[in-house]
Amino acid sequence: MSPSTPSAERMTWRARLAAFWRLLAQTGRLIVGVPDYDLYVAHMRRSHPDTPPMSREAFFAERMQARYGRGASRCC
């Protein structure tokens, strides 16, 4: 095997690192309150296959309305 050819073990390590990074990024977005559209789409396809998912724009508008637009105004 040449040094430039990655071994199966190294590819597994890279795949694990990529999966860890995706999980870390998703956790960070959830901590600061940014909704995850890709996770929403995966859920809709898995749990509600007959219902088309919202567009990215509609999803974020709905999430912002749910988070900040609760009808009555608040002081904080």
N, C-alpha and C. Protein backbone atom coordinates (compact mmCIF):
# COMPACT_ATOMS: atom_id res chain seq x y z
N MET A 1 0.85 -1.17 0.00
CA MET A 1 0.00 0.00 0.00
C MET A 1 0.89 1.24 0.00
N SER A 2 0.60 2.19 -0.86
CA SER A 2 1.42 3.40 -0.91
C SER A 2 1.02 4.35 0.22
N PRO A 3 1.92 5.26 0.64
CA PRO A 3 1.62 6.19 1.72
C PRO A 3 0.46 7.13 1.40
N SER A 4 0.20 7.38 0.10
CA SER A 4 -0.88 8.30 -0.25
C SER A 4 -2.26 7.64 -0.23
N THR A 5 -2.31 6.31 -0.18
CA THR A 5 -3.58 5.60 -0.15
C THR A 5 -4.03 5.42 1.30
N PRO A 6 -5.18 6.01 1.68
CA PRO A 6 -5.64 5.87 3.07
C PRO A 6 -6.11 4.45 3.34
N SER A 7 -5.77 3.96 4.51
CA SER A 7 -6.20 2.62 4.88
C SER A 7 -7.66 2.67 5.35
N ALA A 8 -8.27 1.50 5.48
CA ALA A 8 -9.65 1.42 5.95
C ALA A 8 -9.76 1.96 7.37
N GLU A 9 -8.74 1.71 8.19
CA GLU A 9 -8.75 2.19 9.57
C GLU A 9 -8.72 3.72 9.59
N ARG A 10 -7.91 4.31 8.74
CA ARG A 10 -7.81 5.77 8.69
C ARG A 10 -9.12 6.38 8.19
N MET A 11 -9.76 5.76 7.22
CA MET A 11 -11.04 6.26 6.71
C MET A 11 -12.09 6.17 7.81
N THR A 12 -12.05 5.11 8.59
CA THR A 12 -12.99 4.98 9.70
C THR A 12 -12.75 6.10 10.70
N TRP A 13 -11.50 6.41 10.96
CA TRP A 13 -11.16 7.49 11.87
C TRP A 13 -11.67 8.82 11.32
N ARG A 14 -11.49 9.05 10.04
CA ARG A 14 -11.98 10.28 9.42
C ARG A 14 -13.50 10.35 9.46
N ALA A 15 -14.15 9.24 9.20
CA ALA A 15 -15.63 9.22 9.25
C ALA A 15 -16.12 9.50 10.67
N ARG A 16 -15.44 8.93 11.65
CA ARG A 16 -15.82 9.20 13.04
C ARG A 16 -15.62 10.66 13.40
N LEU A 17 -14.51 11.23 12.96
CA LEU A 17 -14.23 12.63 13.23
C LEU A 17 -15.28 13.53 12.56
N ALA A 18 -15.65 13.21 11.33
CA ALA A 18 -16.67 13.99 10.63
C ALA A 18 -18.02 13.90 11.34
N ALA A 19 -18.40 12.70 11.79
CA ALA A 19 -19.65 12.53 12.52
C ALA A 19 -19.63 13.29 13.84
N PHE A 20 -18.49 13.26 14.53
CA PHE A 20 -18.35 13.99 15.78
C PHE A 20 -18.47 15.49 15.53
N TRP A 21 -17.84 15.98 14.47
CA TRP A 21 -17.89 17.40 14.15
C TRP A 21 -19.33 17.83 13.83
N ARG A 22 -20.07 17.00 13.07
CA ARG A 22 -21.47 17.32 12.77
C ARG A 22 -22.30 17.39 14.04
N LEU A 23 -22.09 16.46 14.96
CA LEU A 23 -22.81 16.45 16.22
C LEU A 23 -22.45 17.67 17.06
N LEU A 24 -21.19 18.02 17.09
CA LEU A 24 -20.74 19.20 17.83
C LEU A 24 -21.35 20.48 17.25
N ALA A 25 -21.36 20.59 15.95
CA ALA A 25 -21.95 21.77 15.30
C ALA A 25 -23.44 21.84 15.56
N GLN A 26 -24.13 20.71 15.47
CA GLN A 26 -25.57 20.67 15.74
C GLN A 26 -25.85 21.07 17.19
N THR A 27 -25.07 20.58 18.12
CA THR A 27 -25.23 20.94 19.53
C THR A 27 -25.01 22.43 19.74
N GLY A 28 -23.98 22.96 19.12
CA GLY A 28 -23.71 24.39 19.22
C GLY A 28 -24.86 25.23 18.69
N ARG A 29 -25.43 24.82 17.55
CA ARG A 29 -26.57 25.57 17.00
C ARG A 29 -27.77 25.51 17.93
N LEU A 30 -28.01 24.35 18.53
CA LEU A 30 -29.13 24.23 19.46
C LEU A 30 -28.92 25.08 20.71
N ILE A 31 -27.68 25.17 21.17
CA ILE A 31 -27.39 25.97 22.37
C ILE A 31 -27.71 27.44 22.13
N VAL A 32 -27.38 27.95 20.96
CA VAL A 32 -27.63 29.36 20.68
C VAL A 32 -29.00 29.60 20.05
N GLY A 33 -29.77 28.55 19.85
CA GLY A 33 -31.15 28.70 19.38
C GLY A 33 -31.34 28.73 17.88
N VAL A 34 -30.38 28.25 17.12
CA VAL A 34 -30.53 28.20 15.66
C VAL A 34 -31.11 26.83 15.30
N PRO A 35 -32.28 26.81 14.68
CA PRO A 35 -32.90 25.53 14.33
C PRO A 35 -32.13 24.81 13.23
N ASP A 36 -32.22 23.49 13.22
CA ASP A 36 -31.48 22.66 12.26
C ASP A 36 -32.44 22.16 11.18
N TYR A 37 -32.38 22.79 10.00
CA TYR A 37 -33.29 22.45 8.91
C TYR A 37 -33.07 21.02 8.42
N ASP A 38 -31.82 20.59 8.30
CA ASP A 38 -31.55 19.23 7.80
C ASP A 38 -32.13 18.17 8.74
N LEU A 39 -32.04 18.41 10.03
CA LEU A 39 -32.63 17.48 11.00
C LEU A 39 -34.15 17.45 10.86
N TYR A 40 -34.75 18.61 10.63
CA TYR A 40 -36.20 18.71 10.42
C TYR A 40 -36.62 17.91 9.18
N VAL A 41 -35.88 18.09 8.08
CA VAL A 41 -36.21 17.39 6.84
C VAL A 41 -36.09 15.87 7.03
N ALA A 42 -35.04 15.43 7.71
CA ALA A 42 -34.87 13.99 7.97
C ALA A 42 -36.03 13.47 8.80
N HIS A 43 -36.45 14.23 9.81
CA HIS A 43 -37.59 13.81 10.64
C HIS A 43 -38.87 13.72 9.81
N MET A 44 -39.11 14.73 8.96
CA MET A 44 -40.32 14.72 8.14
C MET A 44 -40.33 13.53 7.18
N ARG A 45 -39.22 13.24 6.58
CA ARG A 45 -39.16 12.11 5.64
C ARG A 45 -39.33 10.78 6.35
N ARG A 46 -38.80 10.68 7.57
CA ARG A 46 -38.88 9.44 8.32
C ARG A 46 -40.26 9.25 8.96
N SER A 47 -40.79 10.30 9.59
CA SER A 47 -42.01 10.17 10.38
C SER A 47 -43.28 10.57 9.65
N HIS A 48 -43.17 11.44 8.65
CA HIS A 48 -44.34 11.93 7.93
C HIS A 48 -44.07 11.91 6.43
N PRO A 49 -43.87 10.73 5.84
CA PRO A 49 -43.45 10.67 4.44
C PRO A 49 -44.48 11.21 3.45
N ASP A 50 -45.75 11.27 3.85
CA ASP A 50 -46.79 11.77 2.95
C ASP A 50 -46.94 13.29 3.00
N THR A 51 -46.25 13.97 3.93
CA THR A 51 -46.32 15.42 4.07
C THR A 51 -45.02 16.03 3.58
N PRO A 52 -45.10 16.93 2.60
CA PRO A 52 -43.86 17.55 2.13
C PRO A 52 -43.30 18.51 3.18
N PRO A 53 -41.99 18.53 3.36
CA PRO A 53 -41.40 19.46 4.34
C PRO A 53 -41.49 20.90 3.85
N MET A 54 -41.47 21.83 4.81
CA MET A 54 -41.48 23.25 4.47
C MET A 54 -40.17 23.60 3.76
N SER A 55 -40.20 24.68 3.01
CA SER A 55 -38.97 25.17 2.41
C SER A 55 -38.07 25.69 3.53
N ARG A 56 -36.80 25.87 3.23
CA ARG A 56 -35.85 26.37 4.22
C ARG A 56 -36.31 27.73 4.76
N GLU A 57 -36.77 28.60 3.87
CA GLU A 57 -37.20 29.93 4.28
C GLU A 57 -38.44 29.85 5.17
N ALA A 58 -39.41 29.03 4.78
CA ALA A 58 -40.63 28.89 5.59
C ALA A 58 -40.32 28.27 6.95
N PHE A 59 -39.40 27.32 6.96
CA PHE A 59 -39.01 26.68 8.22
C PHE A 59 -38.43 27.69 9.19
N PHE A 60 -37.47 28.49 8.72
CA PHE A 60 -36.85 29.47 9.61
C PHE A 60 -37.83 30.55 10.04
N ALA A 61 -38.72 30.99 9.13
CA ALA A 61 -39.73 31.98 9.50
C ALA A 61 -40.66 31.41 10.57
N GLU A 62 -41.07 30.16 10.43
CA GLU A 62 -41.95 29.53 11.42
C GLU A 62 -41.25 29.37 12.76
N ARG A 63 -39.99 28.98 12.74
CA ARG A 63 -39.24 28.81 13.99
C ARG A 63 -39.03 30.15 14.70
N MET A 64 -38.75 31.20 13.95
CA MET A 64 -38.59 32.52 14.56
C MET A 64 -39.91 33.03 15.12
N GLN A 65 -41.01 32.77 14.41
CA GLN A 65 -42.33 33.16 14.91
C GLN A 65 -42.65 32.38 16.19
N ALA A 66 -42.34 31.10 16.22
CA ALA A 66 -42.60 30.29 17.41
C ALA A 66 -41.74 30.74 18.58
N ARG A 67 -40.54 31.19 18.30
CA ARG A 67 -39.65 31.59 19.39
C ARG A 67 -39.92 33.00 19.90
N TYR A 68 -40.16 33.94 18.98
CA TYR A 68 -40.24 35.34 19.39
C TYR A 68 -41.63 35.95 19.28
N GLY A 69 -42.50 35.41 18.45
CA GLY A 69 -43.80 36.05 18.20
C GLY A 69 -44.95 35.35 18.89
N ARG A 70 -44.97 35.36 20.17
CA ARG A 70 -46.00 34.63 20.92
C ARG A 70 -47.28 35.42 21.12
N GLY A 71 -47.51 36.46 20.34
CA GLY A 71 -48.75 37.22 20.46
C GLY A 71 -48.60 38.40 21.40
N ALA A 72 -48.70 38.17 22.70
CA ALA A 72 -48.60 39.27 23.66
C ALA A 72 -47.16 39.76 23.71
N SER A 73 -47.01 41.08 23.78
CA SER A 73 -45.65 41.61 23.87
C SER A 73 -45.07 41.37 25.24
N ARG A 74 -43.78 41.22 25.28
CA ARG A 74 -43.08 40.97 26.54
C ARG A 74 -42.05 42.06 26.75
N CYS A 75 -41.71 42.29 27.99
CA CYS A 75 -40.69 43.31 28.27
C CYS A 75 -39.28 42.75 28.10
N CYS A 76 -39.11 41.45 28.16
CA CYS A 76 -37.77 40.89 28.04
C CYS A 76 -37.79 39.53 27.40
